[in-house]
N, C-alpha and C. Protein backbone atom coordinates (compact mmCIF):
# COMPACT_ATOMS: atom_id res chain seq x y z
N MET A 1 22.14 -3.48 24.96
CA MET A 1 21.77 -2.50 23.93
C MET A 1 20.83 -1.42 24.30
N ASP A 2 21.12 -0.28 24.19
CA ASP A 2 20.18 0.81 24.68
C ASP A 2 18.97 0.72 23.40
N ALA A 3 17.80 1.63 23.88
CA ALA A 3 16.65 1.61 23.18
C ALA A 3 16.91 1.96 21.59
N PRO A 4 17.53 3.01 21.40
CA PRO A 4 17.78 3.42 20.16
C PRO A 4 18.46 2.37 19.26
N GLU A 5 19.57 1.76 19.84
CA GLU A 5 20.14 0.76 18.89
C GLU A 5 19.31 -0.54 18.84
N LEU A 6 18.52 -0.88 20.01
CA LEU A 6 17.63 -2.13 19.66
C LEU A 6 16.61 -1.84 18.74
N LYS A 7 16.02 -0.60 18.74
CA LYS A 7 15.03 -0.34 17.69
C LYS A 7 15.62 -0.44 16.38
N LYS A 8 16.92 0.19 16.17
CA LYS A 8 17.40 0.02 14.89
C LYS A 8 17.63 -1.40 14.51
N SER A 9 17.93 -2.14 15.28
CA SER A 9 18.10 -3.71 14.96
C SER A 9 16.76 -4.44 14.68
N LEU A 10 15.76 -4.07 15.48
CA LEU A 10 14.46 -4.68 15.18
C LEU A 10 13.69 -4.09 13.90
N ARG A 11 14.01 -2.91 13.55
CA ARG A 11 13.56 -2.13 12.43
C ARG A 11 14.14 -2.93 11.16
N ARG A 12 15.26 -3.27 11.33
CA ARG A 12 16.02 -3.87 10.08
C ARG A 12 15.51 -5.38 10.01
N ASP A 13 15.15 -6.08 10.96
CA ASP A 13 14.63 -7.42 10.96
C ASP A 13 13.31 -7.60 10.62
N PHE A 14 12.49 -6.59 11.06
CA PHE A 14 10.86 -6.62 10.75
C PHE A 14 10.82 -6.23 9.34
N ALA A 15 11.66 -5.26 8.88
CA ALA A 15 11.48 -4.79 7.56
C ALA A 15 11.70 -5.72 6.62
N ALA A 16 12.95 -6.63 6.78
CA ALA A 16 13.16 -7.89 6.13
C ALA A 16 12.09 -8.80 6.01
N GLN A 17 11.54 -9.08 7.29
CA GLN A 17 10.44 -10.04 7.11
C GLN A 17 9.15 -9.60 6.21
N ARG A 18 8.85 -8.43 6.26
CA ARG A 18 7.74 -7.73 5.52
C ARG A 18 8.04 -8.02 3.91
N ARG A 19 9.38 -7.74 3.67
CA ARG A 19 9.85 -7.86 2.28
C ARG A 19 9.68 -9.23 1.75
N THR A 20 9.50 -10.14 2.53
CA THR A 20 9.39 -11.69 1.88
C THR A 20 8.10 -11.97 1.56
N LEU A 21 7.10 -10.97 1.85
CA LEU A 21 5.76 -11.34 1.43
C LEU A 21 5.64 -11.18 0.13
N SER A 22 4.86 -12.14 -0.54
CA SER A 22 4.73 -12.02 -2.20
C SER A 22 3.54 -10.90 -2.32
N ALA A 23 3.69 -10.37 -3.56
CA ALA A 23 2.67 -9.24 -3.85
C ALA A 23 1.23 -9.70 -3.85
N GLU A 24 1.08 -11.03 -4.28
CA GLU A 24 -0.11 -11.69 -4.10
C GLU A 24 -0.72 -11.90 -2.61
N TYR A 25 0.19 -12.32 -1.74
CA TYR A 25 -0.20 -12.33 -0.32
C TYR A 25 -0.72 -10.97 0.24
N ARG A 26 0.27 -10.08 -0.16
CA ARG A 26 -0.21 -8.64 0.33
C ARG A 26 -1.55 -8.24 -0.13
N ARG A 27 -1.81 -8.28 -1.36
CA ARG A 27 -3.11 -7.85 -1.95
C ARG A 27 -4.29 -8.53 -1.10
N ASP A 28 -4.14 -9.96 -0.93
CA ASP A 28 -5.21 -10.51 0.02
C ASP A 28 -5.15 -10.01 1.47
N ALA A 29 -3.93 -9.85 1.94
CA ALA A 29 -3.79 -9.39 3.20
C ALA A 29 -4.50 -7.92 3.41
N ASP A 30 -4.32 -7.00 2.30
CA ASP A 30 -4.69 -5.68 2.24
C ASP A 30 -6.18 -5.68 2.26
N ARG A 31 -6.84 -6.53 1.69
CA ARG A 31 -8.41 -6.69 1.58
C ARG A 31 -8.76 -6.92 2.84
N LYS A 32 -8.10 -7.94 3.58
CA LYS A 32 -8.76 -8.37 4.88
C LYS A 32 -8.36 -7.32 5.93
N ILE A 33 -7.39 -6.48 5.89
CA ILE A 33 -7.10 -5.34 6.73
C ILE A 33 -8.06 -4.38 6.61
N VAL A 34 -8.42 -3.96 5.30
CA VAL A 34 -9.32 -2.95 5.16
C VAL A 34 -10.87 -3.50 5.70
N ASP A 35 -11.08 -4.56 5.44
CA ASP A 35 -12.45 -5.30 5.98
C ASP A 35 -12.25 -5.10 7.69
N ARG A 36 -11.28 -5.35 8.22
CA ARG A 36 -10.98 -5.31 9.73
C ARG A 36 -11.40 -3.84 10.08
N ILE A 37 -10.62 -2.89 9.38
CA ILE A 37 -10.80 -1.52 9.93
C ILE A 37 -12.24 -1.08 9.73
N GLU A 38 -12.80 -1.39 8.52
CA GLU A 38 -14.38 -0.95 8.28
C GLU A 38 -15.40 -1.55 9.32
N ALA A 39 -14.82 -2.71 9.95
CA ALA A 39 -15.83 -3.16 10.88
C ALA A 39 -15.75 -2.67 12.25
N LEU A 40 -14.57 -1.76 12.48
CA LEU A 40 -14.42 -1.34 13.83
C LEU A 40 -15.41 -0.07 14.26
N PRO A 41 -16.27 -0.37 15.41
CA PRO A 41 -17.08 0.69 15.62
C PRO A 41 -16.61 2.07 15.58
N GLU A 42 -15.54 2.24 16.11
CA GLU A 42 -14.83 3.49 16.23
C GLU A 42 -14.64 4.18 14.81
N TYR A 43 -14.36 3.21 13.98
CA TYR A 43 -14.08 3.81 12.42
C TYR A 43 -15.40 3.91 11.91
N ARG A 44 -16.42 3.26 12.03
CA ARG A 44 -17.84 3.63 11.58
C ARG A 44 -18.27 4.96 11.99
N ALA A 45 -17.95 5.23 13.40
CA ALA A 45 -18.46 6.62 13.95
C ALA A 45 -17.82 7.57 13.51
N ALA A 46 -16.50 7.46 13.16
CA ALA A 46 -15.58 8.62 12.70
C ALA A 46 -16.15 9.32 11.46
N ARG A 47 -15.92 10.61 11.61
CA ARG A 47 -16.10 11.39 10.15
C ARG A 47 -14.85 11.63 9.59
N LEU A 48 -13.71 11.75 10.18
CA LEU A 48 -12.49 12.14 9.56
C LEU A 48 -11.55 10.99 9.88
N ILE A 49 -10.86 10.62 8.86
CA ILE A 49 -9.81 9.55 8.90
C ILE A 49 -8.50 10.06 8.55
N GLY A 50 -7.55 9.93 9.32
CA GLY A 50 -5.99 10.29 8.94
C GLY A 50 -5.37 8.83 8.45
N SER A 51 -5.06 8.73 7.38
CA SER A 51 -4.57 7.62 6.82
C SER A 51 -3.09 7.80 6.21
N PHE A 52 -2.50 6.75 5.39
CA PHE A 52 -1.28 7.11 4.98
C PHE A 52 -1.10 6.41 3.51
N VAL A 53 -0.24 6.93 2.63
CA VAL A 53 -0.06 6.14 1.28
C VAL A 53 1.00 5.16 1.42
N ALA A 54 0.68 3.88 1.27
CA ALA A 54 1.60 2.81 1.28
C ALA A 54 3.07 3.26 0.66
N PHE A 55 4.01 2.78 1.35
CA PHE A 55 5.37 3.03 0.81
C PHE A 55 6.10 1.67 0.89
N GLY A 56 6.69 1.41 -0.29
CA GLY A 56 7.45 -0.01 -0.11
C GLY A 56 6.28 -1.11 -0.09
N ALA A 57 6.73 -1.93 0.93
CA ALA A 57 5.65 -3.18 1.36
C ALA A 57 4.66 -2.85 2.28
N GLU A 58 4.53 -1.64 2.58
CA GLU A 58 3.32 -1.48 3.76
C GLU A 58 2.08 -1.59 3.18
N PRO A 59 1.16 -2.03 4.12
CA PRO A 59 -0.35 -2.18 3.72
C PRO A 59 -0.83 -1.11 2.94
N ASP A 60 -1.64 -1.37 1.91
CA ASP A 60 -2.31 -0.35 1.06
C ASP A 60 -3.56 -0.16 1.37
N LEU A 61 -4.00 0.90 2.02
CA LEU A 61 -5.36 1.00 2.45
C LEU A 61 -6.24 1.93 1.37
N SER A 62 -5.92 1.95 0.14
CA SER A 62 -6.52 2.91 -0.62
C SER A 62 -7.99 2.52 -0.97
N ALA A 63 -8.26 1.28 -0.57
CA ALA A 63 -9.69 0.71 -0.72
C ALA A 63 -10.60 1.49 0.07
N LEU A 64 -10.16 1.99 1.29
CA LEU A 64 -11.19 2.64 2.19
C LEU A 64 -11.86 3.77 1.59
N SER A 65 -13.24 3.98 1.86
CA SER A 65 -13.90 5.09 1.29
C SER A 65 -15.04 5.51 2.14
N GLY A 66 -15.75 6.57 1.98
CA GLY A 66 -16.93 7.05 2.61
C GLY A 66 -16.64 7.65 3.65
N LYS A 67 -15.38 8.20 3.87
CA LYS A 67 -15.14 9.26 4.88
C LYS A 67 -14.21 10.43 4.47
N ARG A 68 -14.27 11.52 5.22
CA ARG A 68 -13.33 12.68 4.80
C ARG A 68 -11.92 12.00 5.00
N LEU A 69 -11.17 11.99 4.00
CA LEU A 69 -9.81 11.29 4.21
C LEU A 69 -8.66 12.50 4.20
N PHE A 70 -7.76 12.20 5.17
CA PHE A 70 -6.70 13.23 5.31
C PHE A 70 -5.46 12.38 5.22
N LEU A 71 -4.45 12.83 4.50
CA LEU A 71 -3.09 12.09 4.31
C LEU A 71 -1.87 12.97 4.69
N PRO A 72 -0.73 12.54 5.07
CA PRO A 72 0.39 13.42 5.50
C PRO A 72 0.99 14.11 4.40
N ARG A 73 1.46 15.31 4.70
CA ARG A 73 2.27 16.19 3.82
C ARG A 73 3.41 16.72 4.68
N PHE A 74 4.91 16.63 4.14
CA PHE A 74 5.79 17.09 4.66
C PHE A 74 5.81 18.68 4.46
N ASP A 75 6.20 19.19 5.69
CA ASP A 75 6.49 20.82 5.77
C ASP A 75 7.94 20.89 5.93
N GLN A 76 8.66 21.30 4.89
CA GLN A 76 10.14 21.49 5.22
C GLN A 76 10.55 22.61 6.15
N SER A 77 9.71 23.46 6.08
CA SER A 77 10.17 24.83 7.10
C SER A 77 9.82 24.37 8.54
N LYS A 78 8.98 23.43 8.81
CA LYS A 78 8.91 22.85 10.26
C LYS A 78 9.55 21.57 10.53
N ASN A 79 10.00 20.89 9.21
CA ASN A 79 10.58 19.50 9.46
C ASN A 79 9.72 18.70 10.06
N GLU A 80 8.23 18.70 9.73
CA GLU A 80 7.42 17.67 10.24
C GLU A 80 6.30 17.66 9.20
N TYR A 81 5.39 16.54 9.43
CA TYR A 81 4.30 16.36 8.65
C TYR A 81 3.10 16.98 9.17
N SER A 82 2.19 17.28 8.29
CA SER A 82 0.82 17.77 8.68
C SER A 82 -0.18 16.96 7.82
N MET A 83 -1.41 16.73 8.70
CA MET A 83 -2.43 16.17 7.74
C MET A 83 -3.20 16.97 6.82
N VAL A 84 -3.41 16.45 5.62
CA VAL A 84 -4.25 17.38 4.59
C VAL A 84 -5.40 16.56 3.98
N GLU A 85 -6.61 17.30 3.88
CA GLU A 85 -7.71 16.49 3.40
C GLU A 85 -7.63 16.39 1.69
N ILE A 86 -7.71 15.23 1.31
CA ILE A 86 -7.81 15.04 -0.21
C ILE A 86 -9.19 14.52 -0.62
N ARG A 87 -9.62 14.85 -1.91
CA ARG A 87 -10.97 14.41 -2.35
C ARG A 87 -10.80 13.34 -3.50
N ASP A 88 -9.64 13.65 -4.17
CA ASP A 88 -9.32 12.74 -5.40
C ASP A 88 -7.86 12.22 -5.52
N ARG A 89 -7.62 11.00 -5.36
CA ARG A 89 -6.17 10.67 -5.29
C ARG A 89 -5.29 10.95 -6.61
N GLY A 90 -6.08 10.93 -7.63
CA GLY A 90 -5.42 11.00 -8.99
C GLY A 90 -5.05 12.33 -9.05
N ARG A 91 -5.85 13.50 -8.64
CA ARG A 91 -5.65 14.92 -8.85
C ARG A 91 -4.89 15.57 -7.60
N ASP A 92 -5.14 15.00 -6.63
CA ASP A 92 -4.75 15.72 -5.29
C ASP A 92 -3.34 15.44 -4.67
N LEU A 93 -2.78 14.45 -5.43
CA LEU A 93 -1.49 13.90 -4.83
C LEU A 93 -0.34 14.13 -5.79
N VAL A 94 0.85 14.57 -5.26
CA VAL A 94 2.14 14.67 -6.08
C VAL A 94 3.30 13.92 -5.52
N MET A 95 4.23 13.73 -6.04
CA MET A 95 5.26 12.94 -5.34
C MET A 95 6.04 13.88 -4.47
N GLY A 96 6.33 13.17 -3.14
CA GLY A 96 6.78 14.12 -2.10
C GLY A 96 7.99 13.54 -1.43
N ARG A 97 8.24 13.91 -0.24
CA ARG A 97 9.53 13.62 0.24
C ARG A 97 9.63 11.98 0.46
N TYR A 98 10.85 11.56 0.21
CA TYR A 98 11.17 10.00 0.13
C TYR A 98 10.42 9.22 -1.03
N GLY A 99 10.01 10.18 -1.87
CA GLY A 99 9.38 9.58 -3.03
C GLY A 99 8.01 8.78 -2.76
N ILE A 100 7.31 9.47 -1.66
CA ILE A 100 5.97 8.93 -1.16
C ILE A 100 4.85 10.12 -1.64
N PRO A 101 3.93 9.63 -2.37
CA PRO A 101 2.75 10.65 -2.79
C PRO A 101 2.29 11.35 -1.57
N GLU A 102 2.08 12.58 -1.68
CA GLU A 102 1.45 13.36 -0.65
C GLU A 102 0.36 14.40 -1.29
N PRO A 103 -0.24 15.06 -0.39
CA PRO A 103 -1.07 16.14 -1.00
C PRO A 103 -0.52 17.26 -1.69
N VAL A 104 -0.98 17.88 -2.67
CA VAL A 104 -0.48 19.05 -3.30
C VAL A 104 -0.30 20.29 -2.39
N PRO A 105 0.60 21.13 -2.64
CA PRO A 105 0.74 22.44 -1.71
C PRO A 105 -0.46 23.20 -1.71
N ALA A 106 -1.28 23.29 -2.57
CA ALA A 106 -2.36 24.19 -2.66
C ALA A 106 -3.68 23.95 -1.56
N LEU A 107 -3.65 22.46 -0.94
CA LEU A 107 -4.53 21.98 -0.18
C LEU A 107 -4.22 22.46 1.24
N CYS A 108 -5.32 22.96 1.94
CA CYS A 108 -4.95 23.35 3.31
C CYS A 108 -4.78 22.17 4.43
N GLU A 109 -3.93 22.35 5.40
CA GLU A 109 -3.84 21.37 6.33
C GLU A 109 -4.96 21.31 7.50
N ALA A 110 -5.09 20.18 8.24
CA ALA A 110 -6.06 20.02 9.16
C ALA A 110 -5.93 21.14 10.14
N THR A 111 -7.09 21.37 10.70
CA THR A 111 -7.02 22.40 11.96
C THR A 111 -6.71 21.37 13.19
N PRO A 112 -6.15 22.09 14.45
CA PRO A 112 -6.21 21.33 15.56
C PRO A 112 -7.37 20.64 16.08
N GLU A 113 -8.52 21.15 15.86
CA GLU A 113 -9.76 20.47 16.20
C GLU A 113 -10.10 19.30 15.31
N GLU A 114 -9.63 19.45 14.03
CA GLU A 114 -9.92 18.25 13.25
C GLU A 114 -8.81 17.01 13.55
N LEU A 115 -7.72 17.49 13.97
CA LEU A 115 -6.70 16.53 14.32
C LEU A 115 -7.27 15.87 15.57
N ARG A 116 -7.95 16.35 16.63
CA ARG A 116 -8.31 15.88 17.76
C ARG A 116 -9.58 14.90 17.55
N GLN A 117 -10.33 15.15 16.47
CA GLN A 117 -11.34 14.18 15.95
C GLN A 117 -11.04 12.99 15.05
N MET A 118 -9.78 13.24 14.63
CA MET A 118 -9.48 12.18 13.54
C MET A 118 -9.09 10.79 14.08
N PHE A 119 -9.50 9.93 13.38
CA PHE A 119 -9.37 8.44 13.47
C PHE A 119 -8.16 8.04 12.67
N PHE A 120 -6.81 7.90 13.36
CA PHE A 120 -5.73 7.67 12.72
C PHE A 120 -5.34 6.18 12.44
N LEU A 121 -4.92 6.14 11.04
CA LEU A 121 -4.28 4.77 10.71
C LEU A 121 -2.86 4.98 10.49
N VAL A 122 -2.03 4.30 11.25
CA VAL A 122 -0.56 4.61 11.37
C VAL A 122 0.24 3.46 10.72
N PRO A 123 1.12 3.71 9.89
CA PRO A 123 2.01 2.65 9.53
C PRO A 123 3.12 2.42 10.42
N ALA A 124 3.73 1.05 10.51
CA ALA A 124 4.72 0.71 11.52
C ALA A 124 5.56 -0.26 10.70
N VAL A 125 6.82 -0.40 11.20
CA VAL A 125 7.76 -1.49 10.81
C VAL A 125 7.49 -2.54 11.64
N ALA A 126 7.13 -2.23 13.03
CA ALA A 126 6.80 -3.43 13.83
C ALA A 126 5.84 -2.82 14.96
N CYS A 127 5.08 -3.63 15.75
CA CYS A 127 4.25 -3.03 16.73
C CYS A 127 3.97 -4.49 17.71
N ASP A 128 3.99 -4.11 19.05
CA ASP A 128 3.56 -5.23 19.84
C ASP A 128 2.16 -4.99 20.36
N ARG A 129 1.73 -6.10 21.18
CA ARG A 129 0.35 -6.23 21.62
C ARG A 129 -0.09 -5.06 22.70
N LYS A 130 0.97 -4.38 23.14
CA LYS A 130 0.52 -3.24 23.93
C LYS A 130 0.54 -2.12 23.27
N GLY A 131 0.60 -2.09 22.13
CA GLY A 131 0.49 -0.90 21.22
C GLY A 131 1.96 0.04 21.04
N ILE A 132 2.89 -0.58 21.43
CA ILE A 132 4.19 0.17 21.21
C ILE A 132 4.75 -0.13 19.88
N ARG A 133 4.88 1.00 19.05
CA ARG A 133 5.31 0.86 17.75
C ARG A 133 6.63 1.36 17.33
N ILE A 134 7.20 0.63 16.45
CA ILE A 134 8.53 1.10 15.87
C ILE A 134 8.19 1.66 14.55
N GLY A 135 8.71 2.84 14.16
CA GLY A 135 8.42 3.47 12.87
C GLY A 135 9.42 3.52 12.14
N ARG A 136 9.68 4.27 11.08
CA ARG A 136 10.67 4.27 10.07
C ARG A 136 11.90 4.91 10.81
N GLY A 137 11.83 5.53 11.89
CA GLY A 137 13.05 5.92 12.56
C GLY A 137 13.33 7.42 12.65
N CYS A 138 12.49 8.41 12.17
CA CYS A 138 12.66 9.72 12.23
C CYS A 138 11.85 10.47 13.24
N GLY A 139 10.79 9.70 13.82
CA GLY A 139 9.99 10.46 14.84
C GLY A 139 8.85 11.21 14.25
N TYR A 140 8.68 11.37 12.97
CA TYR A 140 7.73 12.25 12.46
C TYR A 140 6.25 11.92 12.83
N TYR A 141 5.88 10.58 12.78
CA TYR A 141 4.69 10.31 13.35
C TYR A 141 4.41 10.42 14.94
N ASP A 142 5.35 10.28 15.63
CA ASP A 142 5.23 10.68 17.02
C ASP A 142 4.89 12.06 17.21
N ARG A 143 5.48 13.12 16.47
CA ARG A 143 5.21 14.58 16.50
C ARG A 143 3.82 14.82 15.92
N LEU A 144 3.42 13.93 14.83
CA LEU A 144 2.11 14.24 14.21
C LEU A 144 1.04 13.83 14.99
N LEU A 145 1.27 12.85 15.97
CA LEU A 145 0.14 12.11 16.67
C LEU A 145 0.25 12.76 18.18
N ARG A 146 0.83 13.78 18.17
CA ARG A 146 0.87 14.37 19.63
C ARG A 146 -0.41 14.60 20.27
N ASP A 147 -1.47 15.04 19.68
CA ASP A 147 -2.78 15.57 20.11
C ASP A 147 -3.89 14.51 19.72
N ALA A 148 -3.28 13.49 18.95
CA ALA A 148 -4.46 12.41 18.57
C ALA A 148 -4.91 11.60 19.77
N ILE A 149 -5.96 11.05 19.51
CA ILE A 149 -6.90 10.20 20.55
C ILE A 149 -7.02 8.74 20.13
N GLN A 150 -7.48 8.43 18.97
CA GLN A 150 -7.51 7.31 18.23
C GLN A 150 -6.67 6.98 17.20
N MET A 151 -5.67 5.96 17.54
CA MET A 151 -4.48 5.71 16.82
C MET A 151 -4.42 4.06 16.57
N THR A 152 -4.53 3.74 15.45
CA THR A 152 -4.56 2.42 15.05
C THR A 152 -3.41 2.02 14.26
N ALA A 153 -2.42 1.08 14.72
CA ALA A 153 -1.36 0.70 13.98
C ALA A 153 -1.81 -0.26 12.90
N VAL A 154 -1.18 -0.21 11.60
CA VAL A 154 -1.66 -1.09 10.70
C VAL A 154 -0.49 -1.83 10.16
N VAL A 155 -0.37 -3.16 10.26
CA VAL A 155 0.75 -3.83 9.87
C VAL A 155 0.35 -5.19 9.50
N TYR A 156 1.12 -5.85 8.75
CA TYR A 156 1.01 -7.41 8.55
C TYR A 156 1.44 -8.21 9.82
N SER A 157 0.77 -9.40 9.91
CA SER A 157 0.88 -10.24 10.94
C SER A 157 2.35 -10.60 11.29
N CYS A 158 3.17 -10.74 10.15
CA CYS A 158 4.75 -10.90 10.47
C CYS A 158 5.40 -9.75 11.09
N GLN A 159 4.80 -8.65 11.25
CA GLN A 159 5.30 -7.51 11.81
C GLN A 159 4.83 -7.28 13.24
N LEU A 160 4.05 -8.16 13.74
CA LEU A 160 3.43 -8.09 15.10
C LEU A 160 4.51 -8.99 15.95
N ALA A 161 5.03 -8.03 16.98
CA ALA A 161 6.04 -8.61 17.79
C ALA A 161 5.47 -9.32 19.14
N GLU A 162 5.92 -10.51 19.44
CA GLU A 162 5.29 -11.27 20.64
C GLU A 162 6.21 -10.92 21.83
N ILE A 163 7.06 -10.02 21.66
CA ILE A 163 7.89 -9.43 22.75
C ILE A 163 7.53 -8.20 23.05
N ASP A 164 7.80 -7.41 24.13
CA ASP A 164 7.56 -5.98 24.36
C ASP A 164 8.78 -5.26 23.68
N LEU A 165 8.33 -4.32 22.87
CA LEU A 165 9.29 -3.52 21.99
C LEU A 165 9.79 -2.43 22.87
N PRO A 166 10.95 -1.99 22.55
CA PRO A 166 11.42 -0.77 23.43
C PRO A 166 10.80 0.46 23.03
N PHE A 167 10.87 1.42 24.00
CA PHE A 167 10.04 2.69 23.70
C PHE A 167 10.88 3.77 24.50
N GLU A 168 10.63 4.99 23.93
CA GLU A 168 11.44 6.02 24.54
C GLU A 168 10.01 7.17 24.93
N ALA A 169 10.67 8.19 25.54
CA ALA A 169 9.57 9.13 26.14
C ALA A 169 8.62 9.73 25.21
N TRP A 170 9.08 10.10 23.99
CA TRP A 170 8.20 10.75 23.07
C TRP A 170 7.41 9.83 22.26
N ASP A 171 7.63 8.42 22.38
CA ASP A 171 6.99 7.51 21.52
C ASP A 171 5.43 7.51 21.90
N ARG A 172 4.60 7.42 20.77
CA ARG A 172 3.16 7.49 21.00
C ARG A 172 2.57 6.03 21.15
N PRO A 173 2.06 5.54 22.00
CA PRO A 173 1.36 4.22 22.09
C PRO A 173 0.13 4.21 21.33
N MET A 174 -0.09 3.10 20.57
CA MET A 174 -1.41 2.90 19.81
C MET A 174 -2.60 2.60 20.66
N THR A 175 -3.83 2.94 20.08
CA THR A 175 -4.94 2.34 20.91
C THR A 175 -5.26 0.91 20.38
N ARG A 176 -4.78 0.71 19.12
CA ARG A 176 -5.27 -0.82 18.63
C ARG A 176 -4.24 -0.97 17.54
N VAL A 177 -4.16 -2.43 17.17
CA VAL A 177 -3.33 -2.90 16.15
C VAL A 177 -4.21 -3.67 15.12
N VAL A 178 -4.12 -3.58 13.97
CA VAL A 178 -4.98 -4.22 13.01
C VAL A 178 -3.82 -4.96 12.06
N THR A 179 -4.07 -6.22 11.97
CA THR A 179 -3.26 -7.10 10.98
C THR A 179 -4.39 -7.81 10.23
N GLU A 180 -3.97 -8.51 9.11
CA GLU A 180 -4.87 -9.28 8.38
C GLU A 180 -5.38 -10.53 9.16
N MET A 181 -4.80 -10.85 10.29
CA MET A 181 -5.38 -12.00 11.03
C MET A 181 -6.13 -11.60 12.27
N GLU A 182 -5.89 -10.44 12.74
CA GLU A 182 -6.71 -9.96 14.20
C GLU A 182 -6.64 -8.61 14.31
N THR A 183 -7.41 -8.19 15.34
CA THR A 183 -7.65 -6.74 15.65
C THR A 183 -7.45 -6.76 17.18
N ILE A 184 -6.10 -6.05 17.59
CA ILE A 184 -5.80 -6.04 19.01
C ILE A 184 -6.31 -4.73 19.60
N VAL A 185 -6.84 -4.74 20.82
CA VAL A 185 -7.16 -3.61 21.56
C VAL A 185 -6.07 -3.53 22.74
N CYS A 186 -5.39 -2.35 22.63
CA CYS A 186 -4.16 -1.94 23.31
C CYS A 186 -4.40 -1.49 24.54
N ASN A 187 -3.55 -1.69 25.60
CA ASN A 187 -3.48 -0.80 26.93
C ASN A 187 -2.26 -0.24 27.08
N ALA A 188 -1.73 0.39 26.05
CA ALA A 188 -0.45 0.89 26.17
C ALA A 188 -0.29 2.02 27.10
N GLY A 189 -1.30 2.85 27.03
CA GLY A 189 -1.38 4.04 27.87
C GLY A 189 -1.19 3.85 29.16
N SER A 190 -2.03 2.94 29.89
CA SER A 190 -1.80 2.44 31.29
C SER A 190 -0.45 1.86 31.49
N PHE A 191 -0.05 1.06 30.48
CA PHE A 191 1.30 0.54 30.71
C PHE A 191 2.48 1.54 30.75
N ARG A 192 2.38 2.42 30.00
CA ARG A 192 3.45 3.55 29.93
C ARG A 192 3.52 4.23 31.33
N GLN A 193 2.31 4.50 31.80
CA GLN A 193 2.07 5.26 33.20
C GLN A 193 2.70 4.44 34.22
N SER A 194 2.42 3.06 34.16
CA SER A 194 2.99 2.20 35.19
C SER A 194 4.51 2.07 35.27
N GLU A 195 4.99 2.06 33.95
CA GLU A 195 6.48 2.30 33.76
C GLU A 195 7.11 3.47 34.25
N ARG A 196 6.42 4.67 34.08
CA ARG A 196 6.90 6.06 34.42
C ARG A 196 7.04 5.93 36.26
N GLU A 197 6.06 5.09 36.63
CA GLU A 197 5.94 5.26 38.23
C GLU A 197 6.99 4.44 38.83
N LYS A 198 7.60 3.50 38.20
CA LYS A 198 8.62 2.59 38.64
C LYS A 198 9.78 3.26 39.21
């Protein structure tokens, strides 16, 4: 099975596992995940946070506060997402692509310099301990993160793969993975380089 087909199969399996979690479990896990994120020295040092709005059964990070918060907004003309600063979730969000709330059109997107400074919290369907991430399947986040430095995948423990996940040339490896159970510092960058040299 080639990488795209394997990813498709794994995406389906891990998404099904996540859907088995009860709402009560997810609420408790979300609180633990937020606590773990806020304990990270890199998060504490960051001024700009690139986060996401939970979709379906994804972890809800809306309890994070005290930072300049940027959320993704889809740009139909470019067929890609950009990060946009919001100050008030009730006022600054409207229903967007795929039924996911996103910043209103009037708000300005982040500058390239802001994107480089941003501490990114990234959704995933699955992630392994090397930081290889399987997303929803459209590659939007890989394009959004092309200049990012600090990238933390946020998943529930049932989405953490104990095998090496398949990856393709455009996939962006994560700096770390946070679940409700643990925080994993990844070495995906050096892993990807060694794989290219084979």
